[in-house]
Amino acid sequence: MLDPVKLRVLRSVVETGSIRASAEALGYTPSAVSQHLTSLRRETGLELVERSGRGITVTAHARALAAEAGPALDALDALDRAVEDLRSGRTGTLRLGYATSIAASWVPELSQQVRRSFPDLRLELVLRDCTSEDLIEAGMDIVVGEGASAPTAAEWESHDVLEEGYVAIVGLDHPLAGRPTVRLQEIADEAWVTDDPLESYWFDRIGAFCRAAGFTPRIEVNPSDFPTVLGFVATGDYVTVQPSVIALDLRPDVVAIPLEPPAPRRRLRVQMRRAISRNPATRFIVDSIHALAAKHAEQIPGLVDLGASAPATTGPAVTGLASNHPGSTDLGCERTMAGVVGAASGGARKEPS
């Protein structure tokens, strides 16, 4: 295979008709240009230049070879640019898994920011309800959700994003609707509705705190999607308990009331593959997630922004009150929908609390 460097030198000599002019254009010495031409002549067996007085004359063979090499050299230049674009994060694909509790409040804005800053980058958005063990099988690059670090921690970098409490959501006509806070015991006799699978650790966390408060929640409706939960709550006959960040997405006929301590808390974190953790697009996404957390910490009572400068973590995230946390802390995210930038919507199924 002919050396592309030598072919580039030949093309320059053909275009300029001068070894000295080519050397200046390429940043080489005239001697280096001559050496490349001599080496290319040996490799091809073709006479490429002839001496003409104090200069040179480019042969027909050289012109034909330079013309044939042109498309290949242009393709290699394009390949070099593509590599640089991929290295800088301007192009390619990043697969982002996210929990639905932030689907409507974070993901559309995040997608818009990425689209504007990296217009040629394809951000694939995946809503999931898996645990951390199958993140690798799912091919995630970045994951935003609740739980412990990825199963192969050496291959992943993690940052805590926020810690939040829970809220009781009631209809506007409910007797508690005007309260600034509410205790779990005050909704002990209410009919509950939740989209969390009742056997899941997400609901068991809430159930454990209820049992510690002296009651077992009476689940009367257990739909599979969050909009249906809100529909039942809006009637005024049902209540639900959800992470506080979900309060940003509520319909106008329901209201979220922060739970008073002792009450469950959870921590969200962002995880990314170390192989792409220094990619500019990855860093932009992570910084944007921290910025969204900081903005919403100002809007949601009890939400603690853990800061963009928080050190990477490898251990389990805090998802309950110290010794009271029941069960696993695997990453909770959802697998019910996939899309590309701009496809996320608030109507998707909510992450189990």
Protein backbone atom coordinates (compact mmCIF):
# COMPACT_ATOMS: atom_id res chain seq x y z
CA MET A 1 0.00 0.00 0.00
CA LEU A 2 1.32 3.40 -0.96
CA ASP A 3 2.14 5.82 1.85
CA PRO A 4 -0.53 8.58 2.09
CA VAL A 5 2.09 11.06 3.29
CA LYS A 6 4.15 10.58 0.15
CA LEU A 7 1.04 10.83 -2.01
CA ARG A 8 0.13 14.11 -0.33
CA VAL A 9 3.62 15.40 -1.09
CA LEU A 10 3.26 14.32 -4.73
CA ARG A 11 -0.12 16.01 -5.03
CA SER A 12 1.32 19.22 -3.64
CA VAL A 13 4.26 19.11 -6.06
CA VAL A 14 1.89 18.51 -8.99
CA GLU A 15 -0.30 21.44 -7.91
CA THR A 16 2.56 23.87 -7.31
CA GLY A 17 5.02 22.63 -9.94
CA SER A 18 7.83 23.31 -7.49
CA ILE A 19 9.62 21.40 -4.76
CA ARG A 20 10.40 24.58 -2.84
CA ALA A 21 6.80 25.86 -3.03
CA SER A 22 5.49 22.46 -1.90
CA ALA A 23 7.91 22.43 1.02
CA GLU A 24 6.66 25.85 2.14
CA ALA A 25 3.01 24.79 1.78
CA LEU A 26 3.49 21.54 3.69
CA GLY A 27 5.87 22.85 6.34
CA TYR A 28 8.67 20.55 5.16
CA THR A 29 12.21 21.27 4.00
CA PRO A 30 12.91 21.00 0.24
CA SER A 31 15.22 18.08 1.05
CA ALA A 32 12.37 16.20 2.80
CA VAL A 33 10.07 16.73 -0.20
CA SER A 34 12.74 15.41 -2.55
CA GLN A 35 13.29 12.36 -0.34
CA HIS A 36 9.52 11.57 -0.33
CA LEU A 37 9.43 11.84 -4.13
CA THR A 38 12.47 9.60 -4.50
CA SER A 39 10.97 7.00 -2.16
CA LEU A 40 7.64 7.09 -4.01
CA ARG A 41 9.45 6.66 -7.35
CA ARG A 42 11.13 3.49 -6.00
CA GLU A 43 7.83 2.12 -4.67
CA THR A 44 5.90 2.73 -7.90
CA GLY A 45 8.63 2.29 -10.50
CA LEU A 46 7.41 5.51 -12.13
CA GLU A 47 9.36 8.61 -13.04
CA LEU A 48 7.53 11.42 -11.30
CA VAL A 49 9.63 14.54 -11.88
CA GLU A 50 12.36 15.51 -14.28
CA ARG A 51 15.01 18.14 -13.81
CA SER A 52 14.48 21.22 -15.94
CA GLY A 53 17.14 23.85 -15.57
CA ARG A 54 17.12 24.96 -11.92
CA GLY A 55 13.60 23.57 -11.40
CA ILE A 56 11.57 20.46 -12.19
CA THR A 57 8.96 19.28 -14.65
CA VAL A 58 6.16 17.07 -13.39
CA THR A 59 5.67 13.98 -15.57
CA ALA A 60 2.40 12.69 -16.99
CA HIS A 61 2.72 9.67 -14.69
CA ALA A 62 2.91 11.96 -11.67
CA ARG A 63 -0.19 13.88 -12.76
CA ALA A 64 -2.14 10.67 -13.32
CA LEU A 65 -1.06 9.21 -9.95
CA ALA A 66 -1.91 12.44 -8.11
CA ALA A 67 -5.34 12.53 -9.77
CA GLU A 68 -6.09 8.93 -8.78
CA ALA A 69 -4.81 9.53 -5.23
CA GLY A 70 -6.97 12.63 -4.75
CA PRO A 71 -10.27 10.93 -3.77
CA ALA A 72 -8.47 8.52 -1.44
CA LEU A 73 -6.57 11.33 0.26
CA ASP A 74 -9.77 13.38 0.61
CA ALA A 75 -11.47 10.37 2.19
CA LEU A 76 -8.59 9.95 4.64
CA ASP A 77 -8.84 13.66 5.51
CA ALA A 78 -12.55 13.20 6.14
CA LEU A 79 -11.76 10.18 8.30
CA ASP A 80 -9.29 12.22 10.34
CA ARG A 81 -11.96 14.89 10.85
CA ALA A 82 -14.48 12.24 11.89
CA VAL A 83 -12.04 10.87 14.47
CA GLU A 84 -11.50 14.35 15.85
CA ASP A 85 -15.26 14.97 15.95
CA LEU A 86 -15.80 11.71 17.82
CA ARG A 87 -12.94 12.51 20.19
CA SER A 88 -14.40 15.93 20.90
CA GLY A 89 -17.94 14.60 21.30
CA ARG A 90 -19.36 16.56 18.37
CA THR A 91 -20.64 13.45 16.55
CA GLY A 92 -21.49 9.83 17.27
CA THR A 93 -24.09 8.36 19.62
CA LEU A 94 -24.47 8.44 23.40
CA ARG A 95 -27.03 6.15 25.05
CA LEU A 96 -28.59 7.76 28.12
CA GLY A 97 -30.73 5.76 30.54
CA TYR A 98 -32.94 7.76 32.86
CA ALA A 99 -35.50 7.32 35.61
CA THR A 100 -38.99 8.57 34.83
CA SER A 101 -39.25 10.67 37.96
CA ILE A 102 -37.05 13.11 36.02
CA ALA A 103 -38.47 12.33 32.55
CA ALA A 104 -40.67 15.40 32.19
CA SER A 105 -38.79 17.81 34.47
CA TRP A 106 -35.20 17.18 33.35
CA VAL A 107 -34.88 15.14 30.18
CA PRO A 108 -36.55 17.45 27.62
CA GLU A 109 -34.48 20.43 28.78
CA LEU A 110 -31.32 18.33 28.85
CA SER A 111 -32.04 17.04 25.35
CA GLN A 112 -32.54 20.56 24.06
CA GLN A 113 -29.23 21.71 25.54
CA VAL A 114 -27.36 18.78 23.99
CA ARG A 115 -29.02 19.29 20.61
CA ARG A 116 -27.99 22.95 20.54
CA SER A 117 -24.43 22.40 21.74
CA PHE A 118 -23.73 19.17 19.81
CA PRO A 119 -26.06 19.26 16.77
CA ASP A 120 -24.44 16.25 15.08
CA LEU A 121 -24.46 14.05 18.19
CA ARG A 122 -27.24 11.47 18.47
CA LEU A 123 -28.44 11.19 22.06
CA GLU A 124 -30.44 8.00 22.46
CA LEU A 125 -32.82 8.23 25.41
CA VAL A 126 -33.91 5.03 27.11
CA LEU A 127 -36.54 4.85 29.86
CA ARG A 128 -35.96 1.76 32.00
CA ASP A 129 -37.19 -0.25 34.97
CA CYS A 130 -34.18 -2.56 35.30
CA THR A 131 -31.69 -2.99 38.13
CA SER A 132 -28.02 -2.12 37.84
CA GLU A 133 -26.96 -5.68 36.97
CA ASP A 134 -28.03 -5.40 33.34
CA LEU A 135 -26.71 -1.92 32.56
CA ILE A 136 -23.91 -3.46 30.50
CA GLU A 137 -26.30 -5.68 28.55
CA ALA A 138 -28.43 -2.62 27.83
CA GLY A 139 -25.42 -0.82 26.42
CA MET A 140 -25.81 2.31 28.50
CA ASP A 141 -23.17 5.06 28.29
CA ILE A 142 -24.69 7.38 30.91
CA VAL A 143 -27.35 6.57 33.51
CA VAL A 144 -29.28 8.93 35.75
CA GLY A 145 -31.24 7.25 38.50
CA GLU A 146 -31.38 5.91 42.01
CA GLY A 147 -29.31 3.22 43.62
CA ALA A 148 -25.92 1.62 44.04
CA SER A 149 -23.01 1.98 41.67
CA ALA A 150 -22.82 -0.10 38.52
CA PRO A 151 -21.82 -3.77 38.97
CA THR A 152 -18.44 -3.21 37.32
CA ALA A 153 -17.45 -0.12 39.28
CA ALA A 154 -13.95 -0.07 37.79
CA GLU A 155 -15.49 0.61 34.38
CA TRP A 156 -17.92 3.28 35.58
CA GLU A 157 -17.56 6.73 37.14
CA SER A 158 -20.31 7.90 39.50
CA HIS A 159 -21.35 11.25 40.94
CA ASP A 160 -24.08 11.92 43.47
CA VAL A 161 -26.49 14.52 42.11
CA LEU A 162 -29.15 15.19 44.72
CA GLU A 163 -30.85 13.89 47.82
CA GLU A 164 -34.57 14.38 48.23
CA GLY A 165 -37.50 13.57 50.42
CA TYR A 166 -40.98 12.36 49.59
CA VAL A 167 -44.31 14.13 49.21
CA ALA A 168 -47.92 13.15 49.73
CA ILE A 169 -49.98 14.07 46.67
CA VAL A 170 -53.67 14.82 47.21
CA GLY A 171 -56.50 16.38 45.22
CA LEU A 172 -57.21 20.10 45.52
CA ASP A 173 -60.42 19.37 47.42
CA HIS A 174 -58.75 17.08 49.93
CA PRO A 175 -58.77 18.32 53.57
CA LEU A 176 -54.96 18.25 53.66
CA ALA A 177 -54.51 20.21 50.42
CA GLY A 178 -53.74 23.51 52.16
CA ARG A 179 -51.18 22.12 54.60
CA PRO A 180 -47.46 23.09 54.29
CA THR A 181 -46.38 19.63 55.53
CA VAL A 182 -48.02 16.38 56.55
CA ARG A 183 -47.07 13.43 58.75
CA LEU A 184 -47.35 9.88 57.45
CA GLN A 185 -49.76 9.05 60.29
CA GLU A 186 -52.20 11.64 58.93
CA ILE A 187 -52.77 9.63 55.75
CA ALA A 188 -52.81 6.24 57.49
CA ASP A 189 -56.58 5.81 57.01
CA GLU A 190 -56.66 7.08 53.44
CA ALA A 191 -57.10 4.96 50.33
CA TRP A 192 -53.73 4.84 48.58
CA VAL A 193 -52.93 4.59 44.86
CA THR A 194 -49.46 3.84 43.52
CA ASP A 195 -47.92 2.71 40.26
CA ASP A 196 -45.03 1.01 42.06
CA PRO A 197 -45.15 -2.79 41.94
CA LEU A 198 -46.17 -3.68 45.50
CA GLU A 199 -43.40 -6.28 45.77
CA SER A 200 -40.71 -3.83 44.62
CA TYR A 201 -38.09 -2.39 46.95
CA TRP A 202 -39.22 1.07 45.86
CA PHE A 203 -42.61 0.60 47.47
CA ASP A 204 -41.18 -1.47 50.32
CA ARG A 205 -39.12 1.55 51.33
CA ILE A 206 -42.31 3.59 51.75
CA GLY A 207 -44.10 0.68 53.35
CA ALA A 208 -41.33 0.23 55.89
CA PHE A 209 -41.65 3.83 57.03
CA CYS A 210 -45.41 3.46 57.24
CA ARG A 211 -45.05 0.35 59.38
CA ALA A 212 -42.57 2.21 61.59
CA ALA A 213 -45.26 4.87 61.97
CA GLY A 214 -47.72 2.23 63.15
CA PHE A 215 -49.78 1.36 60.06
CA THR A 216 -49.77 -0.52 56.78
CA PRO A 217 -50.83 1.57 53.77
CA ARG A 218 -54.16 0.52 52.28
CA ILE A 219 -53.45 0.20 48.55
CA GLU A 220 -56.76 0.21 46.72
CA VAL A 221 -55.52 0.99 43.20
CA ASN A 222 -52.23 -0.14 41.63
CA PRO A 223 -52.08 1.03 37.99
CA SER A 224 -48.98 0.67 35.85
CA ASP A 225 -48.58 4.34 34.94
CA PHE A 226 -48.21 7.60 36.85
CA PRO A 227 -50.78 9.69 34.91
CA THR A 228 -53.46 7.20 35.99
CA VAL A 229 -52.28 7.57 39.60
CA LEU A 230 -52.83 11.31 39.36
CA GLY A 231 -56.24 10.77 37.84
CA PHE A 232 -57.35 8.84 40.91
CA VAL A 233 -55.72 11.36 43.26
CA ALA A 234 -57.51 14.24 41.54
CA THR A 235 -60.89 12.79 42.57
CA GLY A 236 -60.02 13.58 46.18
CA ASP A 237 -60.66 10.02 47.32
CA TYR A 238 -57.07 8.76 47.07
CA VAL A 239 -53.55 9.80 48.10
CA THR A 240 -50.14 8.75 46.85
CA VAL A 241 -46.59 9.14 48.17
CA GLN A 242 -43.87 9.94 45.65
CA PRO A 243 -40.31 11.37 45.44
CA SER A 244 -40.39 15.15 45.74
CA VAL A 245 -38.86 15.81 42.31
CA ILE A 246 -42.04 14.43 40.77
CA ALA A 247 -43.89 17.49 42.14
CA LEU A 248 -42.52 19.50 39.21
CA ASP A 249 -44.69 17.49 36.78
CA LEU A 250 -48.10 17.58 38.48
CA ARG A 251 -51.42 18.44 36.86
CA PRO A 252 -53.23 21.51 38.21
CA ASP A 253 -55.93 19.63 40.11
CA VAL A 254 -53.56 17.95 42.57
CA VAL A 255 -51.07 19.29 45.12
CA ALA A 256 -47.85 17.89 46.63
CA ILE A 257 -47.26 18.23 50.38
CA PRO A 258 -43.80 17.47 51.85
CA LEU A 259 -43.71 14.65 54.40
CA GLU A 260 -42.43 15.59 57.84
CA PRO A 261 -39.51 13.60 59.32
CA PRO A 262 -39.11 10.80 59.97
CA ALA A 263 -39.80 10.03 56.34
CA PRO A 264 -37.98 8.22 53.53
CA ARG A 265 -35.31 9.95 51.49
CA ARG A 266 -33.45 8.88 48.39
CA ARG A 267 -30.36 9.90 46.43
CA LEU A 268 -30.03 10.23 42.68
CA ARG A 269 -26.70 9.79 40.95
CA VAL A 270 -25.30 9.99 37.45
CA GLN A 271 -23.08 7.17 36.23
CA MET A 272 -20.99 7.10 33.05
CA ARG A 273 -18.58 4.68 31.44
CA ARG A 274 -15.01 5.67 32.25
CA ALA A 275 -14.09 5.12 28.61
CA ILE A 276 -16.21 8.14 27.62
CA SER A 277 -16.14 10.06 30.91
CA ARG A 278 -13.72 12.70 29.52
CA ASN A 279 -15.60 13.07 26.26
CA PRO A 280 -16.69 16.73 25.99
CA ALA A 281 -20.29 15.74 25.25
CA THR A 282 -20.36 13.44 28.29
CA ARG A 283 -18.96 16.16 30.52
CA PHE A 284 -21.49 18.62 29.10
CA ILE A 285 -24.36 16.23 29.93
CA VAL A 286 -23.09 15.57 33.45
CA ASP A 287 -22.58 19.29 34.12
CA SER A 288 -26.06 20.01 32.76
CA ILE A 289 -27.57 17.39 35.08
CA HIS A 290 -25.87 19.01 38.06
CA ALA A 291 -27.12 22.42 36.92
CA LEU A 292 -30.69 21.09 36.69
CA ALA A 293 -30.38 19.64 40.18
CA ALA A 294 -29.13 22.98 41.51
CA LYS A 295 -32.02 24.83 39.86
CA HIS A 296 -34.65 22.46 41.21
CA ALA A 297 -33.11 22.51 44.68
CA GLU A 298 -34.24 26.13 44.80
CA GLN A 299 -37.79 25.14 43.85
CA ILE A 300 -38.44 21.97 45.86
CA PRO A 301 -38.41 21.98 49.68
CA GLY A 302 -36.13 19.33 51.14
CA LEU A 303 -34.21 18.70 47.92
CA VAL A 304 -30.45 18.91 48.53
CA ASP A 305 -28.15 19.68 45.60
CA LEU A 306 -25.03 17.57 46.12
CA GLY A 307 -23.03 19.74 43.73
CA ALA A 308 -21.19 19.34 40.46
CA SER A 309 -17.91 19.23 42.37
CA ALA A 310 -18.98 16.29 44.53
CA PRO A 311 -16.35 13.53 44.40
CA ALA A 312 -17.03 10.37 42.47
CA THR A 313 -18.52 7.63 44.59
CA THR A 314 -18.36 3.88 44.34
CA GLY A 315 -20.43 2.72 47.29
CA PRO A 316 -24.20 2.50 47.74
CA ALA A 317 -26.17 5.71 47.62
CA VAL A 318 -28.14 6.81 50.67
CA THR A 319 -31.77 5.97 49.87
CA GLY A 320 -33.29 5.84 53.33
CA LEU A 321 -32.89 7.30 56.77
CA ALA A 322 -29.70 5.74 58.13
CA SER A 323 -30.58 2.42 59.79
CA ASN A 324 -34.17 2.36 58.60
CA HIS A 325 -33.57 1.75 54.92
CA PRO A 326 -35.27 -1.47 53.83
CA GLY A 327 -33.80 -3.68 51.19
CA SER A 328 -31.62 -3.25 48.14
CA THR A 329 -30.22 -0.05 46.70
CA ASP A 330 -29.91 -1.21 43.07
CA LEU A 331 -30.27 1.42 40.41
CA GLY A 332 -33.94 1.96 39.62
CA CYS A 333 -34.65 3.02 36.04
CA GLU A 334 -37.23 2.07 33.40
CA ARG A 335 -37.34 0.00 30.22
CA THR A 336 -40.72 0.89 28.77
CA MET A 337 -39.69 3.39 26.10
CA ALA A 338 -36.74 4.32 23.91
CA GLY A 339 -36.17 7.31 21.68
CA VAL A 340 -33.76 9.93 20.41
CA VAL A 341 -33.29 13.52 21.39
CA GLY A 342 -36.63 15.28 21.78
CA ALA A 343 -38.67 12.07 22.23
CA ALA A 344 -39.00 12.19 26.03
CA SER A 345 -42.35 13.23 27.46
CA GLY A 346 -44.05 13.53 30.81
CA GLY A 347 -46.63 10.91 29.79
CA ALA A 348 -44.17 8.03 30.12
CA ARG A 349 -44.39 5.63 33.02
CA LYS A 350 -42.91 7.02 36.23
CA GLU A 351 -40.00 5.36 37.95
CA PRO A 352 -41.10 3.31 40.93
CA SER A 353 -40.46 5.43 43.97
